[in-house]
Structure formats: C-alpha cells, structure tokens
Amino acid sequence: LKPTGEVHALDAKVTLDENAEFRHPEWDAFRGLTEMDDREKMAAEKGLQYIGLDGTVGIIANGAGLAMSTLDVVNQVGGSAANFLDIGGGANADVMAVQSILINIFGGITRGEEVAKGIVEAMGRVELRAPIVIRLDGTNAEEGRQILLDAGIPADKLQSEPTMLDAARAAVAKAK
C-alpha cells in the first residue's frame, strides 16, 4: 500500500483456463512466458489439469469438483494432498512420486472397467514407489473392482475402498 492509498501487486501468477481462451485473444501475447514445473508441463502436454502441492497423498480424480472434494476429505482425515490431478473423462492413470496415491473415480462418462484396466496396465509398466488406494463407483464400478481383484496385485500396492472417506483414511494411513 502506497502512502497515496494505491495498491500495487508485486508478484502474481495468472493462468488462463484453456476453455476460456476464445474469449481472450490478447492472451496470445503471453504464450511461452508461462513458467511451469516439469510435472505441470507433462500434465499439460497430456491434456490434464495438474497442480503440485506440498502434501504426501497424490490425488487422481475425474472431474475438478470430485478432485477438490477429494482434497477436502484427505484434509478432513488428517492428511495433506501432494497434488490436484483431474484426469477428465477418459484419461489413463498417471503416477507421481508421493507417499500414497488416492484415485477417486465416479463413473458417468468414464466407465469403471476402463479405469481398472488402465490401472492394471499402468502398474505393469511402472515400478510403484507408493501404494495406491482406489475408490471406484458409478458406471461398471463392480466390474472394475473385480478386474482389480482378479489382477492379483498385492494389497500393499493396491487397495480398493468402497467410499471416499474410507479411501481417504486408507491413503492417509499409508502416507504416514
């Protein structure tokens, strides 16, 4: 605050939601000036919404509202989120270097068995350093849970929970 009563911003980070780009042609002048860390760049290249945070539980959810709710529930049970990752309507699971990973999927457009197949495939391709807890509900969720069960993945690497609260508690416990 200046003595004249004016306020000056000394630092800021501004991002433009790509869904609003058509309303802001002036934003083109700023392309290439955006500073992103490596994780944010990788997510942007894959069309994912990602924000890195300081916690220990990685969050993967389909839909920004569900992802924010998942962050709130993790906080409610005493944990802290390491990220916000919205995979949208059909992206494959992505794995981050965190203490535990909570995948919260409610299938509408996204089908539970496709999510489960993606998780099983991803777990076959990468060496996990953090256990995954998944809450899978909605369209074909039972089929998806069965696919996860039939995959024979050890419980210390992949745990399925029926509710968001139970999944958050399990992910926080595994992160400690």
Protein backbone atom coordinates (compact mmCIF):
# COMPACT_ATOMS: atom_id res chain seq x y z
CA LEU A 1 0.00 0.00 0.00
CA LYS A 2 1.45 3.31 -1.07
CA PRO A 3 1.02 6.46 1.05
CA THR A 4 -1.43 7.65 -1.62
CA GLY A 5 -3.69 4.67 -0.88
CA GLU A 6 -2.90 2.87 -4.13
CA VAL A 7 -2.23 -0.86 -4.05
CA HIS A 8 0.44 -2.39 -6.28
CA ALA A 9 0.81 -6.11 -6.89
CA LEU A 10 4.47 -7.03 -6.58
CA ASP A 11 4.13 -10.63 -7.67
CA ALA A 12 1.43 -12.76 -9.24
CA LYS A 13 0.79 -15.99 -11.07
CA VAL A 14 -2.02 -15.93 -13.58
CA THR A 15 -3.27 -18.86 -15.58
CA LEU A 16 -5.99 -18.91 -18.19
CA ASP A 17 -8.30 -21.90 -18.37
CA GLU A 18 -7.98 -23.22 -21.92
CA ASN A 19 -11.78 -23.40 -22.09
CA ALA A 20 -11.84 -19.59 -21.89
CA GLU A 21 -9.09 -18.94 -24.45
CA PHE A 22 -11.55 -17.98 -27.19
CA ARG A 23 -12.69 -15.03 -25.05
CA HIS A 24 -9.16 -13.68 -24.58
CA PRO A 25 -7.30 -13.23 -27.88
CA GLU A 26 -4.96 -10.80 -26.06
CA TRP A 27 -3.61 -13.80 -24.14
CA ASP A 28 -1.69 -14.93 -27.26
CA ALA A 29 0.94 -12.28 -26.49
CA PHE A 30 1.77 -14.14 -23.28
CA ARG A 31 2.14 -17.64 -24.74
CA GLY A 32 5.52 -19.12 -23.97
CA LEU A 33 6.00 -16.90 -20.93
CA THR A 34 4.23 -19.27 -18.57
CA GLU A 35 6.51 -20.87 -16.01
CA MET A 36 5.59 -24.47 -15.20
CA ASP A 37 7.47 -27.09 -13.29
CA ASP A 38 8.23 -30.39 -15.04
CA ARG A 39 5.14 -32.12 -13.63
CA GLU A 40 2.83 -29.31 -14.79
CA LYS A 41 4.40 -29.35 -18.27
CA MET A 42 3.98 -33.11 -18.58
CA ALA A 43 0.34 -32.91 -17.48
CA ALA A 44 -0.40 -30.03 -19.86
CA GLU A 45 1.12 -31.98 -22.77
CA LYS A 46 -1.28 -34.84 -21.96
CA GLY A 47 -4.28 -32.52 -21.63
CA LEU A 48 -4.58 -32.98 -17.86
CA GLN A 49 -5.27 -30.39 -15.17
CA TYR A 50 -2.46 -30.66 -12.59
CA ILE A 51 -1.40 -28.52 -9.66
CA GLY A 52 1.51 -29.55 -7.44
CA LEU A 53 1.05 -29.15 -3.67
CA ASP A 54 3.21 -29.85 -0.61
CA GLY A 55 1.49 -32.89 0.96
CA THR A 56 2.05 -36.64 0.89
CA VAL A 57 -1.11 -38.10 -0.72
CA GLY A 58 -1.29 -37.95 -4.50
CA ILE A 59 -4.82 -37.23 -5.75
CA ILE A 60 -6.18 -38.51 -9.06
CA ALA A 61 -9.86 -37.88 -9.78
CA ASN A 62 -12.08 -37.47 -12.80
CA GLY A 63 -13.58 -34.01 -12.65
CA ALA A 64 -12.41 -30.86 -10.90
CA GLY A 65 -15.29 -30.93 -8.40
CA LEU A 66 -14.56 -34.50 -7.38
CA ALA A 67 -10.82 -33.75 -7.16
CA MET A 68 -11.45 -30.73 -4.90
CA SER A 69 -13.83 -32.76 -2.75
CA THR A 70 -11.19 -35.50 -2.50
CA LEU A 71 -8.60 -32.94 -1.35
CA ASP A 72 -11.05 -31.76 1.32
CA VAL A 73 -11.72 -35.31 2.55
CA VAL A 74 -7.99 -36.12 2.72
CA ASN A 75 -7.53 -32.96 4.79
CA GLN A 76 -10.54 -33.88 6.96
CA VAL A 77 -8.99 -37.20 7.96
CA GLY A 78 -5.64 -35.60 8.86
CA GLY A 79 -3.71 -35.91 5.60
CA SER A 80 -2.38 -33.44 3.07
CA ALA A 81 -2.54 -33.53 -0.71
CA ALA A 82 0.62 -33.70 -2.82
CA ASN A 83 -1.23 -32.59 -5.93
CA PHE A 84 -4.51 -31.95 -7.68
CA LEU A 85 -4.81 -34.06 -10.84
CA ASP A 86 -8.04 -34.04 -12.82
CA ILE A 87 -7.86 -36.80 -15.45
CA GLY A 88 -11.12 -35.70 -17.06
CA GLY A 89 -13.47 -38.01 -18.85
CA GLY A 90 -11.24 -40.82 -20.03
CA ALA A 91 -7.53 -40.33 -19.44
CA ASN A 92 -5.31 -43.12 -18.16
CA ALA A 93 -3.95 -43.12 -14.62
CA ASP A 94 -0.72 -41.26 -14.02
CA VAL A 95 1.67 -41.99 -11.14
CA MET A 96 3.60 -39.40 -9.12
CA ALA A 97 6.41 -39.78 -6.57
CA VAL A 98 4.42 -39.43 -3.34
CA GLN A 99 3.88 -41.47 -0.16
CA SER A 100 0.48 -42.78 -1.28
CA ILE A 101 -1.86 -42.24 -4.19
CA LEU A 102 -5.62 -41.85 -3.89
CA ILE A 103 -7.60 -42.45 -7.05
CA ASN A 104 -11.22 -41.34 -6.70
CA ILE A 105 -13.37 -42.17 -9.71
CA PHE A 106 -17.09 -41.79 -10.08
CA GLY A 107 -18.06 -43.24 -13.42
CA GLY A 108 -20.52 -41.46 -15.62
CA ILE A 109 -18.84 -40.99 -18.95
CA THR A 110 -15.78 -42.70 -17.50
CA ARG A 111 -16.50 -46.41 -17.14
CA GLY A 112 -15.20 -48.28 -14.11
CA GLU A 113 -13.85 -51.27 -16.01
CA GLU A 114 -11.83 -49.00 -18.31
CA VAL A 115 -10.31 -47.21 -15.32
CA ALA A 116 -9.47 -50.56 -13.72
CA LYS A 117 -7.87 -51.85 -16.94
CA GLY A 118 -5.80 -48.64 -17.15
CA ILE A 119 -4.62 -49.01 -13.56
CA VAL A 120 -3.68 -52.67 -14.03
CA GLU A 121 -1.82 -51.82 -17.26
CA ALA A 122 -0.03 -48.86 -15.66
CA MET A 123 1.01 -50.97 -12.68
CA GLY A 124 2.54 -53.48 -15.08
CA ARG A 125 4.58 -50.76 -16.78
CA VAL A 126 5.95 -48.79 -13.84
CA GLU A 127 7.67 -49.61 -10.61
CA LEU A 128 5.49 -48.13 -7.91
CA ARG A 129 7.17 -46.35 -5.04
CA ALA A 130 3.85 -45.51 -3.40
CA PRO A 131 0.79 -47.65 -2.68
CA ILE A 132 -2.48 -46.85 -4.46
CA VAL A 133 -5.85 -46.63 -2.78
CA ILE A 134 -8.81 -46.51 -5.16
CA ARG A 135 -12.44 -45.65 -4.66
CA LEU A 136 -14.31 -46.69 -7.78
CA ASP A 137 -18.05 -46.03 -8.07
CA GLY A 138 -20.64 -45.45 -10.78
CA THR A 139 -20.88 -46.96 -14.25
CA ASN A 140 -19.48 -50.51 -14.33
CA ALA A 141 -17.77 -50.00 -10.96
CA GLU A 142 -18.42 -53.56 -9.81
CA GLU A 143 -16.84 -54.91 -12.99
CA GLY A 144 -13.88 -52.57 -12.47
CA ARG A 145 -13.40 -53.66 -8.85
CA GLN A 146 -13.47 -57.29 -10.00
CA ILE A 147 -10.80 -56.57 -12.63
CA LEU A 148 -8.60 -55.07 -9.91
CA LEU A 149 -9.21 -58.06 -7.64
CA ASP A 150 -8.53 -60.59 -10.43
CA ALA A 151 -5.26 -58.83 -11.33
CA GLY A 152 -3.71 -60.30 -8.19
CA ILE A 153 -1.94 -57.08 -7.23
CA PRO A 154 -0.73 -57.31 -3.60
CA ALA A 155 -2.80 -55.35 -1.07
CA ASP A 156 0.26 -53.34 0.00
CA LYS A 157 0.45 -51.95 -3.57
CA LEU A 158 -3.26 -51.54 -4.40
CA GLN A 159 -6.17 -51.26 -2.01
CA SER A 160 -9.80 -50.72 -3.01
CA GLU A 161 -12.22 -48.98 -0.65
CA PRO A 162 -16.00 -48.57 -1.06
CA THR A 163 -16.38 -44.92 -0.02
CA MET A 164 -14.43 -41.71 -0.50
CA LEU A 165 -13.99 -41.31 3.26
CA ASP A 166 -12.69 -44.87 3.71
CA ALA A 167 -10.32 -44.41 0.75
CA ALA A 168 -9.04 -41.10 2.11
CA ARG A 169 -8.41 -42.65 5.55
CA ALA A 170 -6.51 -45.57 3.96
CA ALA A 171 -4.42 -43.28 1.74
CA VAL A 172 -3.52 -41.02 4.66
CA ALA A 173 -2.59 -44.04 6.81
CA LYS A 174 -0.37 -45.39 4.04
CA ALA A 175 1.31 -41.97 3.63
CA LYS A 176 2.47 -41.94 7.27
